[in-house]
Amino acid sequence: MDLSPVDLTSEVVRTARLVLRPPHPDDADAVWRACQDPDVQRWITALPVPYTRADAADFVGVIAPAARARGTGMLAVVEADGELVGSAGIDRFADEQLGPAIGYWTAPQARGRGYAAEAARALADWALELGAPRVHLVADVRNTASQAVARRAGFTQEGVLRSALPYRDGTRGDAAMFARLPGD
């Protein structure tokens, strides 16, 4: 994957309905509100719980910009009609075996409109156009909504990774593995 023509610090991906852009400090309140949702907290176990306004400010002001500046990831907020409707990202650009990884969440008020699938498809297309041999994502086997998003975004389930997901209580769960290849 050749990232040389891309300035990740400012890269924006657009679809017919969405803008996937770098987060700005004024996104913190919308991110905080969305991350209060029990489903976001259940499935995105990397989020601290409780998720505070300081955590949201750290995400938009430090974590996402740092990943972009280091060239290790392109974390974005997802806008539809000027409203923050979720977040999506791609990272692990150098993973030769699995290819870059895609992740996403959708704010509760924006669910059911296909935004997550559209964002995941756009990020996969972006990476594949830059020469990624494949892109992948994982979803908890119990998270049927996220698996449906992956399929709508053109990903194919390749199998199940047993005990791959750490849960907050110290146990582990299985992950459905999905991938897209050039031409999919």
N, C-alpha and C. Protein backbone atom coordinates (compact mmCIF):
# COMPACT_ATOMS: atom_id res chain seq x y z
N MET A 1 0.85 -1.17 0.00
CA MET A 1 0.00 0.00 0.00
C MET A 1 0.89 1.23 0.00
N ASP A 2 0.67 2.10 -0.96
CA ASP A 2 1.51 3.28 -1.11
C ASP A 2 0.78 4.52 -0.59
N LEU A 3 1.18 4.98 0.60
CA LEU A 3 0.58 6.17 1.20
C LEU A 3 1.33 7.45 0.85
N SER A 4 2.38 7.37 0.01
CA SER A 4 3.19 8.54 -0.28
C SER A 4 2.40 9.71 -0.89
N PRO A 5 1.36 9.47 -1.71
CA PRO A 5 0.65 10.62 -2.26
C PRO A 5 -0.40 11.21 -1.32
N VAL A 6 -0.50 10.66 -0.09
CA VAL A 6 -1.59 11.04 0.81
C VAL A 6 -1.05 11.80 2.02
N ASP A 7 -1.69 12.89 2.36
CA ASP A 7 -1.42 13.60 3.61
C ASP A 7 -2.50 13.15 4.60
N LEU A 8 -2.17 12.15 5.41
CA LEU A 8 -3.16 11.59 6.33
C LEU A 8 -3.68 12.61 7.33
N THR A 9 -2.88 13.64 7.63
CA THR A 9 -3.33 14.61 8.62
C THR A 9 -4.56 15.39 8.16
N SER A 10 -4.76 15.47 6.85
CA SER A 10 -5.90 16.24 6.33
C SER A 10 -6.79 15.43 5.39
N GLU A 11 -6.47 14.17 5.16
CA GLU A 11 -7.21 13.35 4.19
C GLU A 11 -8.70 13.26 4.55
N VAL A 12 -9.54 13.47 3.55
CA VAL A 12 -10.99 13.37 3.68
C VAL A 12 -11.47 12.39 2.63
N VAL A 13 -12.37 11.50 3.02
CA VAL A 13 -12.99 10.56 2.08
C VAL A 13 -14.46 10.94 1.98
N ARG A 14 -14.95 11.05 0.77
CA ARG A 14 -16.35 11.45 0.55
C ARG A 14 -17.10 10.36 -0.19
N THR A 15 -18.36 10.24 0.15
CA THR A 15 -19.28 9.38 -0.59
C THR A 15 -20.43 10.27 -1.07
N ALA A 16 -21.43 9.68 -1.66
CA ALA A 16 -22.58 10.45 -2.11
C ALA A 16 -23.26 11.17 -0.94
N ARG A 17 -23.26 10.55 0.25
CA ARG A 17 -23.98 11.13 1.40
C ARG A 17 -23.10 11.52 2.57
N LEU A 18 -21.87 11.04 2.59
CA LEU A 18 -21.05 11.17 3.79
C LEU A 18 -19.74 11.89 3.54
N VAL A 19 -19.23 12.49 4.62
CA VAL A 19 -17.89 13.05 4.65
C VAL A 19 -17.18 12.38 5.83
N LEU A 20 -16.08 11.69 5.54
CA LEU A 20 -15.23 11.08 6.57
C LEU A 20 -14.01 11.98 6.68
N ARG A 21 -13.94 12.73 7.78
CA ARG A 21 -12.94 13.78 7.90
C ARG A 21 -12.21 13.68 9.23
N PRO A 22 -11.06 14.39 9.31
CA PRO A 22 -10.37 14.42 10.60
C PRO A 22 -11.28 15.06 11.65
N PRO A 23 -11.25 14.54 12.87
CA PRO A 23 -12.04 15.17 13.92
C PRO A 23 -11.49 16.54 14.28
N HIS A 24 -12.39 17.41 14.72
CA HIS A 24 -12.03 18.75 15.20
C HIS A 24 -12.40 18.83 16.68
N PRO A 25 -11.76 19.71 17.43
CA PRO A 25 -12.10 19.84 18.85
C PRO A 25 -13.59 20.08 19.11
N ASP A 26 -14.27 20.78 18.20
CA ASP A 26 -15.70 21.03 18.42
C ASP A 26 -16.58 19.81 18.19
N ASP A 27 -15.99 18.67 17.79
CA ASP A 27 -16.73 17.41 17.66
C ASP A 27 -16.85 16.68 19.00
N ALA A 28 -16.13 17.13 20.00
CA ALA A 28 -16.04 16.38 21.26
C ALA A 28 -17.40 16.12 21.89
N ASP A 29 -18.27 17.11 21.93
CA ASP A 29 -19.58 16.90 22.58
C ASP A 29 -20.41 15.86 21.84
N ALA A 30 -20.42 15.90 20.51
CA ALA A 30 -21.19 14.92 19.74
C ALA A 30 -20.61 13.52 19.92
N VAL A 31 -19.28 13.41 19.95
CA VAL A 31 -18.64 12.11 20.18
C VAL A 31 -19.00 11.62 21.58
N TRP A 32 -18.91 12.50 22.56
CA TRP A 32 -19.24 12.12 23.93
C TRP A 32 -20.68 11.61 24.02
N ARG A 33 -21.63 12.35 23.45
CA ARG A 33 -23.04 11.93 23.50
C ARG A 33 -23.22 10.54 22.86
N ALA A 34 -22.64 10.33 21.70
CA ALA A 34 -22.80 9.06 21.00
C ALA A 34 -22.19 7.91 21.80
N CYS A 35 -21.08 8.17 22.46
CA CYS A 35 -20.38 7.12 23.20
C CYS A 35 -20.98 6.84 24.57
N GLN A 36 -22.08 7.50 24.90
CA GLN A 36 -22.84 7.15 26.10
C GLN A 36 -23.77 5.98 25.82
N ASP A 37 -23.97 5.67 24.55
CA ASP A 37 -24.89 4.60 24.15
C ASP A 37 -24.39 3.25 24.63
N PRO A 38 -25.25 2.47 25.28
CA PRO A 38 -24.82 1.15 25.78
C PRO A 38 -24.29 0.22 24.69
N ASP A 39 -24.84 0.29 23.49
CA ASP A 39 -24.35 -0.59 22.42
C ASP A 39 -22.96 -0.17 21.95
N VAL A 40 -22.70 1.12 21.84
CA VAL A 40 -21.36 1.57 21.48
C VAL A 40 -20.38 1.08 22.54
N GLN A 41 -20.73 1.26 23.81
CA GLN A 41 -19.84 0.82 24.88
C GLN A 41 -19.70 -0.70 24.94
N ARG A 42 -20.75 -1.40 24.61
CA ARG A 42 -20.69 -2.87 24.65
C ARG A 42 -19.73 -3.42 23.59
N TRP A 43 -19.84 -2.90 22.37
CA TRP A 43 -19.09 -3.50 21.26
C TRP A 43 -17.74 -2.86 21.02
N ILE A 44 -17.53 -1.63 21.43
CA ILE A 44 -16.24 -0.96 21.24
C ILE A 44 -15.53 -0.99 22.60
N THR A 45 -14.93 -2.12 22.89
CA THR A 45 -14.36 -2.32 24.22
C THR A 45 -13.09 -1.50 24.47
N ALA A 46 -12.56 -0.87 23.44
CA ALA A 46 -11.42 0.02 23.64
C ALA A 46 -11.85 1.35 24.27
N LEU A 47 -13.14 1.64 24.25
CA LEU A 47 -13.63 2.86 24.88
C LEU A 47 -13.59 2.73 26.40
N PRO A 48 -13.11 3.75 27.08
CA PRO A 48 -13.20 3.71 28.54
C PRO A 48 -14.67 3.79 28.98
N VAL A 49 -14.98 3.14 30.08
CA VAL A 49 -16.31 3.23 30.67
C VAL A 49 -16.12 3.53 32.14
N PRO A 50 -16.67 4.61 32.65
CA PRO A 50 -17.52 5.56 31.92
C PRO A 50 -16.71 6.36 30.90
N TYR A 51 -17.39 6.77 29.85
CA TYR A 51 -16.77 7.58 28.81
C TYR A 51 -17.07 9.04 29.12
N THR A 52 -16.02 9.78 29.42
CA THR A 52 -16.18 11.16 29.88
C THR A 52 -16.00 12.16 28.74
N ARG A 53 -16.34 13.40 29.03
CA ARG A 53 -16.10 14.47 28.06
C ARG A 53 -14.60 14.61 27.80
N ALA A 54 -13.79 14.37 28.82
CA ALA A 54 -12.33 14.43 28.64
C ALA A 54 -11.86 13.33 27.69
N ASP A 55 -12.49 12.14 27.77
CA ASP A 55 -12.14 11.06 26.84
C ASP A 55 -12.47 11.46 25.40
N ALA A 56 -13.63 12.09 25.21
CA ALA A 56 -14.02 12.53 23.87
C ALA A 56 -13.06 13.61 23.37
N ALA A 57 -12.71 14.54 24.23
CA ALA A 57 -11.76 15.59 23.84
C ALA A 57 -10.40 14.99 23.50
N ASP A 58 -9.99 13.97 24.23
CA ASP A 58 -8.73 13.29 23.95
C ASP A 58 -8.78 12.59 22.59
N PHE A 59 -9.91 11.95 22.28
CA PHE A 59 -10.04 11.28 20.99
C PHE A 59 -9.92 12.27 19.84
N VAL A 60 -10.70 13.35 19.90
CA VAL A 60 -10.70 14.29 18.77
C VAL A 60 -9.47 15.18 18.72
N GLY A 61 -8.86 15.44 19.89
CA GLY A 61 -7.75 16.38 19.92
C GLY A 61 -6.38 15.76 19.97
N VAL A 62 -6.29 14.48 20.41
CA VAL A 62 -4.98 13.86 20.57
C VAL A 62 -4.89 12.52 19.83
N ILE A 63 -5.76 11.58 20.15
CA ILE A 63 -5.64 10.20 19.64
C ILE A 63 -5.75 10.16 18.11
N ALA A 64 -6.85 10.68 17.57
CA ALA A 64 -7.04 10.62 16.11
C ALA A 64 -5.97 11.43 15.37
N PRO A 65 -5.70 12.67 15.79
CA PRO A 65 -4.64 13.41 15.08
C PRO A 65 -3.26 12.74 15.18
N ALA A 66 -2.95 12.14 16.32
CA ALA A 66 -1.64 11.49 16.48
C ALA A 66 -1.51 10.29 15.55
N ALA A 67 -2.56 9.48 15.44
CA ALA A 67 -2.51 8.33 14.53
C ALA A 67 -2.31 8.79 13.09
N ARG A 68 -3.00 9.84 12.71
CA ARG A 68 -2.85 10.37 11.36
C ARG A 68 -1.44 10.93 11.16
N ALA A 69 -0.93 11.67 12.13
CA ALA A 69 0.41 12.27 12.01
C ALA A 69 1.50 11.20 11.94
N ARG A 70 1.36 10.12 12.70
CA ARG A 70 2.34 9.02 12.68
C ARG A 70 2.23 8.18 11.42
N GLY A 71 1.12 8.28 10.70
CA GLY A 71 0.91 7.46 9.52
C GLY A 71 0.48 6.05 9.84
N THR A 72 -0.04 5.84 11.05
CA THR A 72 -0.46 4.50 11.47
C THR A 72 -1.95 4.27 11.35
N GLY A 73 -2.71 5.33 11.16
CA GLY A 73 -4.15 5.16 11.06
C GLY A 73 -4.81 6.43 10.56
N MET A 74 -6.00 6.25 10.04
CA MET A 74 -6.80 7.37 9.58
C MET A 74 -8.16 7.28 10.27
N LEU A 75 -8.22 7.81 11.49
CA LEU A 75 -9.45 7.85 12.25
C LEU A 75 -10.24 9.07 11.81
N ALA A 76 -11.54 8.89 11.63
CA ALA A 76 -12.37 9.96 11.09
C ALA A 76 -13.69 10.03 11.83
N VAL A 77 -14.28 11.21 11.82
CA VAL A 77 -15.68 11.33 12.18
C VAL A 77 -16.47 11.26 10.88
N VAL A 78 -17.67 10.76 10.98
CA VAL A 78 -18.53 10.59 9.81
C VAL A 78 -19.66 11.61 9.92
N GLU A 79 -19.78 12.43 8.89
CA GLU A 79 -20.83 13.45 8.83
C GLU A 79 -21.81 13.12 7.72
N ALA A 80 -23.09 13.38 8.00
CA ALA A 80 -24.14 13.35 6.99
C ALA A 80 -24.92 14.65 7.14
N ASP A 81 -25.02 15.40 6.07
CA ASP A 81 -25.72 16.69 6.11
C ASP A 81 -25.21 17.58 7.23
N GLY A 82 -23.90 17.58 7.44
CA GLY A 82 -23.29 18.44 8.44
C GLY A 82 -23.42 17.97 9.88
N GLU A 83 -24.04 16.82 10.11
CA GLU A 83 -24.22 16.28 11.46
C GLU A 83 -23.30 15.08 11.67
N LEU A 84 -22.66 15.02 12.82
CA LEU A 84 -21.83 13.87 13.16
C LEU A 84 -22.74 12.67 13.40
N VAL A 85 -22.56 11.61 12.59
CA VAL A 85 -23.41 10.43 12.70
C VAL A 85 -22.64 9.20 13.14
N GLY A 86 -21.32 9.34 13.31
CA GLY A 86 -20.53 8.21 13.74
C GLY A 86 -19.06 8.46 13.57
N SER A 87 -18.32 7.37 13.66
CA SER A 87 -16.88 7.41 13.47
C SER A 87 -16.48 6.15 12.71
N ALA A 88 -15.45 6.29 11.92
CA ALA A 88 -14.92 5.14 11.19
C ALA A 88 -13.42 5.37 11.03
N GLY A 89 -12.70 4.30 10.87
CA GLY A 89 -11.27 4.45 10.72
C GLY A 89 -10.64 3.24 10.07
N ILE A 90 -9.41 3.45 9.69
CA ILE A 90 -8.62 2.38 9.09
C ILE A 90 -7.21 2.51 9.65
N ASP A 91 -6.64 1.38 10.03
CA ASP A 91 -5.27 1.40 10.57
C ASP A 91 -4.58 0.09 10.24
N ARG A 92 -3.39 -0.07 10.79
CA ARG A 92 -2.53 -1.23 10.53
C ARG A 92 -2.17 -1.31 9.05
N PHE A 93 -1.78 -0.17 8.50
CA PHE A 93 -1.45 -0.10 7.08
C PHE A 93 -0.35 -1.08 6.68
N ALA A 94 0.56 -1.37 7.58
CA ALA A 94 1.72 -2.20 7.24
C ALA A 94 1.48 -3.69 7.46
N ASP A 95 0.29 -4.10 7.84
CA ASP A 95 0.02 -5.52 8.08
C ASP A 95 0.03 -6.27 6.75
N GLU A 96 1.12 -6.97 6.49
CA GLU A 96 1.30 -7.68 5.21
C GLU A 96 0.37 -8.88 5.07
N GLN A 97 -0.01 -9.47 6.19
CA GLN A 97 -0.82 -10.68 6.12
C GLN A 97 -2.31 -10.38 5.96
N LEU A 98 -2.86 -9.53 6.82
CA LEU A 98 -4.30 -9.28 6.80
C LEU A 98 -4.68 -7.99 6.08
N GLY A 99 -3.72 -7.10 5.87
CA GLY A 99 -4.02 -5.80 5.28
C GLY A 99 -4.58 -4.87 6.33
N PRO A 100 -4.85 -3.64 5.95
CA PRO A 100 -5.38 -2.66 6.89
C PRO A 100 -6.70 -3.13 7.50
N ALA A 101 -6.96 -2.63 8.73
CA ALA A 101 -8.17 -2.99 9.48
C ALA A 101 -9.12 -1.80 9.50
N ILE A 102 -10.40 -2.09 9.38
CA ILE A 102 -11.44 -1.07 9.39
C ILE A 102 -12.30 -1.26 10.63
N GLY A 103 -12.70 -0.15 11.22
CA GLY A 103 -13.63 -0.16 12.35
C GLY A 103 -14.63 0.97 12.20
N TYR A 104 -15.74 0.88 12.92
CA TYR A 104 -16.80 1.88 12.81
C TYR A 104 -17.75 1.78 13.98
N TRP A 105 -18.42 2.89 14.26
CA TRP A 105 -19.59 2.91 15.12
C TRP A 105 -20.52 3.99 14.61
N THR A 106 -21.80 3.84 14.93
CA THR A 106 -22.81 4.80 14.49
C THR A 106 -23.53 5.35 15.72
N ALA A 107 -23.75 6.65 15.73
CA ALA A 107 -24.51 7.28 16.81
C ALA A 107 -25.93 6.71 16.81
N PRO A 108 -26.52 6.54 17.98
CA PRO A 108 -27.84 5.91 18.07
C PRO A 108 -28.90 6.57 17.18
N GLN A 109 -28.93 7.90 17.11
CA GLN A 109 -29.97 8.58 16.33
C GLN A 109 -29.78 8.42 14.83
N ALA A 110 -28.63 7.90 14.40
CA ALA A 110 -28.33 7.79 12.96
C ALA A 110 -28.39 6.35 12.45
N ARG A 111 -28.73 5.42 13.31
CA ARG A 111 -28.74 4.01 12.89
C ARG A 111 -29.89 3.71 11.94
N GLY A 112 -29.68 2.67 11.14
CA GLY A 112 -30.71 2.22 10.22
C GLY A 112 -30.74 2.95 8.90
N ARG A 113 -29.74 3.78 8.64
CA ARG A 113 -29.70 4.55 7.39
C ARG A 113 -28.57 4.11 6.46
N GLY A 114 -27.82 3.10 6.87
CA GLY A 114 -26.75 2.58 6.02
C GLY A 114 -25.45 3.35 6.09
N TYR A 115 -25.32 4.26 7.06
CA TYR A 115 -24.11 5.07 7.14
C TYR A 115 -22.86 4.25 7.43
N ALA A 116 -22.94 3.30 8.35
CA ALA A 116 -21.75 2.50 8.70
C ALA A 116 -21.26 1.70 7.50
N ALA A 117 -22.18 1.07 6.78
CA ALA A 117 -21.79 0.29 5.60
C ALA A 117 -21.18 1.19 4.53
N GLU A 118 -21.76 2.36 4.34
CA GLU A 118 -21.24 3.29 3.34
C GLU A 118 -19.84 3.77 3.73
N ALA A 119 -19.63 4.05 5.00
CA ALA A 119 -18.32 4.49 5.47
C ALA A 119 -17.29 3.37 5.36
N ALA A 120 -17.67 2.16 5.76
CA ALA A 120 -16.74 1.02 5.68
C ALA A 120 -16.37 0.72 4.23
N ARG A 121 -17.34 0.77 3.35
CA ARG A 121 -17.07 0.54 1.93
C ARG A 121 -16.13 1.62 1.39
N ALA A 122 -16.37 2.87 1.76
CA ALA A 122 -15.53 3.97 1.27
C ALA A 122 -14.09 3.82 1.74
N LEU A 123 -13.90 3.45 3.01
CA LEU A 123 -12.53 3.27 3.51
C LEU A 123 -11.85 2.08 2.84
N ALA A 124 -12.60 1.01 2.63
CA ALA A 124 -12.02 -0.15 1.94
C ALA A 124 -11.63 0.21 0.51
N ASP A 125 -12.51 0.90 -0.19
CA ASP A 125 -12.21 1.34 -1.56
C ASP A 125 -10.96 2.22 -1.58
N TRP A 126 -10.88 3.15 -0.63
CA TRP A 126 -9.74 4.06 -0.53
C TRP A 126 -8.44 3.28 -0.39
N ALA A 127 -8.42 2.31 0.55
CA ALA A 127 -7.20 1.53 0.79
C ALA A 127 -6.85 0.65 -0.41
N LEU A 128 -7.84 0.01 -1.00
CA LEU A 128 -7.58 -0.86 -2.14
C LEU A 128 -7.08 -0.06 -3.34
N GLU A 129 -7.60 1.15 -3.53
CA GLU A 129 -7.13 2.00 -4.61
C GLU A 129 -5.68 2.44 -4.41
N LEU A 130 -5.24 2.49 -3.15
CA LEU A 130 -3.86 2.84 -2.85
C LEU A 130 -2.94 1.61 -2.84
N GLY A 131 -3.47 0.46 -3.24
CA GLY A 131 -2.65 -0.73 -3.40
C GLY A 131 -2.68 -1.74 -2.28
N ALA A 132 -3.55 -1.57 -1.30
CA ALA A 132 -3.65 -2.60 -0.26
C ALA A 132 -4.05 -3.92 -0.92
N PRO A 133 -3.40 -5.03 -0.56
CA PRO A 133 -3.75 -6.30 -1.17
C PRO A 133 -5.08 -6.84 -0.67
N ARG A 134 -5.50 -6.35 0.50
CA ARG A 134 -6.77 -6.75 1.10
C ARG A 134 -7.03 -5.81 2.27
N VAL A 135 -8.25 -5.73 2.70
CA VAL A 135 -8.62 -5.02 3.93
C VAL A 135 -9.48 -5.97 4.75
N HIS A 136 -9.46 -5.76 6.06
CA HIS A 136 -10.25 -6.68 6.89
C HIS A 136 -10.94 -5.92 8.01
N LEU A 137 -11.87 -6.59 8.62
CA LEU A 137 -12.50 -6.10 9.84
C LEU A 137 -12.97 -7.31 10.63
N VAL A 138 -13.11 -7.10 11.92
CA VAL A 138 -13.64 -8.14 12.79
C VAL A 138 -14.85 -7.59 13.51
N ALA A 139 -15.79 -8.47 13.79
CA ALA A 139 -17.00 -8.13 14.55
C ALA A 139 -17.28 -9.26 15.52
N ASP A 140 -17.66 -8.90 16.71
CA ASP A 140 -18.04 -9.91 17.69
C ASP A 140 -19.10 -10.83 17.07
N VAL A 141 -18.98 -12.12 17.29
CA VAL A 141 -19.94 -13.05 16.70
C VAL A 141 -21.36 -12.80 17.19
N ARG A 142 -21.49 -12.13 18.32
CA ARG A 142 -22.83 -11.82 18.85
C ARG A 142 -23.36 -10.50 18.30
N ASN A 143 -22.51 -9.73 17.63
CA ASN A 143 -22.92 -8.44 17.11
C ASN A 143 -23.42 -8.60 15.67
N THR A 144 -24.64 -9.05 15.55
CA THR A 144 -25.20 -9.34 14.22
C THR A 144 -25.35 -8.07 13.39
N ALA A 145 -25.60 -6.93 14.05
CA ALA A 145 -25.73 -5.68 13.30
C ALA A 145 -24.41 -5.31 12.62
N SER A 146 -23.30 -5.44 13.33
CA SER A 146 -22.00 -5.11 12.73
C SER A 146 -21.65 -6.08 11.62
N GLN A 147 -22.00 -7.34 11.78
CA GLN A 147 -21.75 -8.31 10.71
C GLN A 147 -22.58 -7.98 9.47
N ALA A 148 -23.81 -7.53 9.67
CA ALA A 148 -24.64 -7.13 8.54
C ALA A 148 -24.04 -5.92 7.83
N VAL A 149 -23.50 -4.98 8.60
CA VAL A 149 -22.81 -3.82 8.02
C VAL A 149 -21.66 -4.29 7.14
N ALA A 150 -20.85 -5.21 7.65
CA ALA A 150 -19.71 -5.71 6.89
C ALA A 150 -20.16 -6.31 5.56
N ARG A 151 -21.19 -7.10 5.60
CA ARG A 151 -21.68 -7.73 4.36
C ARG A 151 -22.22 -6.68 3.38
N ARG A 152 -22.97 -5.69 3.89
CA ARG A 152 -23.49 -4.63 3.01
C ARG A 152 -22.36 -3.80 2.43
N ALA A 153 -21.22 -3.73 3.12
CA ALA A 153 -20.06 -2.98 2.63
C ALA A 153 -19.22 -3.79 1.65
N GLY A 154 -19.67 -5.00 1.32
CA GLY A 154 -18.97 -5.81 0.33
C GLY A 154 -17.92 -6.75 0.88
N PHE A 155 -17.87 -6.91 2.20
CA PHE A 155 -16.92 -7.82 2.83
C PHE A 155 -17.47 -9.24 2.83
N THR A 156 -16.57 -10.21 2.77
CA THR A 156 -16.92 -11.63 2.82
C THR A 156 -16.41 -12.19 4.14
N GLN A 157 -17.27 -12.95 4.81
CA GLN A 157 -16.80 -13.58 6.05
C GLN A 157 -15.86 -14.72 5.70
N GLU A 158 -14.71 -14.71 6.36
CA GLU A 158 -13.68 -15.72 6.09
C GLU A 158 -13.61 -16.77 7.20
N GLY A 159 -14.18 -16.50 8.32
CA GLY A 159 -14.12 -17.47 9.40
C GLY A 159 -14.36 -16.82 10.74
N VAL A 160 -14.03 -17.55 11.78
CA VAL A 160 -14.20 -17.08 13.15
C VAL A 160 -12.85 -17.19 13.86
N LEU A 161 -12.46 -16.11 14.50
CA LEU A 161 -11.24 -16.09 15.31
C LEU A 161 -11.66 -16.38 16.75
N ARG A 162 -11.32 -17.55 17.21
CA ARG A 162 -11.76 -17.96 18.55
C ARG A 162 -11.02 -17.19 19.64
N SER A 163 -11.77 -16.75 20.62
CA SER A 163 -11.23 -16.07 21.81
C SER A 163 -10.32 -14.89 21.44
N ALA A 164 -10.71 -14.14 20.42
CA ALA A 164 -9.87 -13.06 19.92
C ALA A 164 -10.20 -11.69 20.52
N LEU A 165 -11.36 -11.57 21.14
CA LEU A 165 -11.79 -10.27 21.63
C LEU A 165 -11.77 -10.21 23.15
N PRO A 166 -10.99 -9.30 23.71
CA PRO A 166 -11.00 -9.15 25.17
C PRO A 166 -12.23 -8.34 25.61
N TYR A 167 -12.93 -8.86 26.61
CA TYR A 167 -14.08 -8.16 27.18
C TYR A 167 -13.66 -7.43 28.44
N ARG A 168 -14.47 -6.48 28.83
CA ARG A 168 -14.17 -5.66 30.01
C ARG A 168 -14.08 -6.48 31.29
N ASP A 169 -14.81 -7.59 31.36
CA ASP A 169 -14.81 -8.39 32.59
C ASP A 169 -13.65 -9.39 32.66
N GLY A 170 -12.75 -9.33 31.69
CA GLY A 170 -11.59 -10.22 31.69
C GLY A 170 -11.78 -11.49 30.88
N THR A 171 -13.00 -11.77 30.42
CA THR A 171 -13.24 -12.93 29.57
C THR A 171 -12.93 -12.55 28.13
N ARG A 172 -13.04 -13.50 27.25
CA ARG A 172 -12.76 -13.27 25.83
C ARG A 172 -13.89 -13.85 25.00
N GLY A 173 -14.07 -13.28 23.81
CA GLY A 173 -15.12 -13.74 22.90
C GLY A 173 -14.59 -13.98 21.51
N ASP A 174 -15.41 -14.63 20.72
CA ASP A 174 -15.06 -14.95 19.34
C ASP A 174 -15.38 -13.79 18.41
N ALA A 175 -14.59 -13.68 17.34
CA ALA A 175 -14.78 -12.61 16.35
C ALA A 175 -14.99 -13.21 14.97
N ALA A 176 -15.99 -12.70 14.28
CA ALA A 176 -16.17 -13.04 12.87
C ALA A 176 -15.18 -12.21 12.07
N MET A 177 -14.42 -12.85 11.20
CA MET A 177 -13.40 -12.18 10.38
C MET A 177 -13.96 -11.97 8.98
N PHE A 178 -13.86 -10.74 8.53
CA PHE A 178 -14.35 -10.35 7.20
C PHE A 178 -13.20 -9.72 6.42
N ALA A 179 -13.24 -9.84 5.08
CA ALA A 179 -12.23 -9.21 4.24
C ALA A 179 -12.83 -8.79 2.91
N ARG A 180 -12.16 -7.80 2.31
CA ARG A 180 -12.42 -7.42 0.93
C ARG A 180 -11.11 -7.45 0.19
N LEU A 181 -11.15 -7.91 -1.03
CA LEU A 181 -9.99 -7.96 -1.91
C LEU A 181 -10.22 -7.04 -3.10
N PRO A 182 -9.17 -6.66 -3.79
CA PRO A 182 -9.38 -5.89 -5.01
C PRO A 182 -10.32 -6.67 -5.94
N GLY A 183 -11.28 -5.97 -6.50
CA GLY A 183 -12.22 -6.62 -7.40
C GLY A 183 -13.48 -7.14 -6.72
N ASP A 184 -13.48 -7.18 -5.40
CA ASP A 184 -14.70 -7.61 -4.69
C ASP A 184 -15.77 -6.54 -4.80
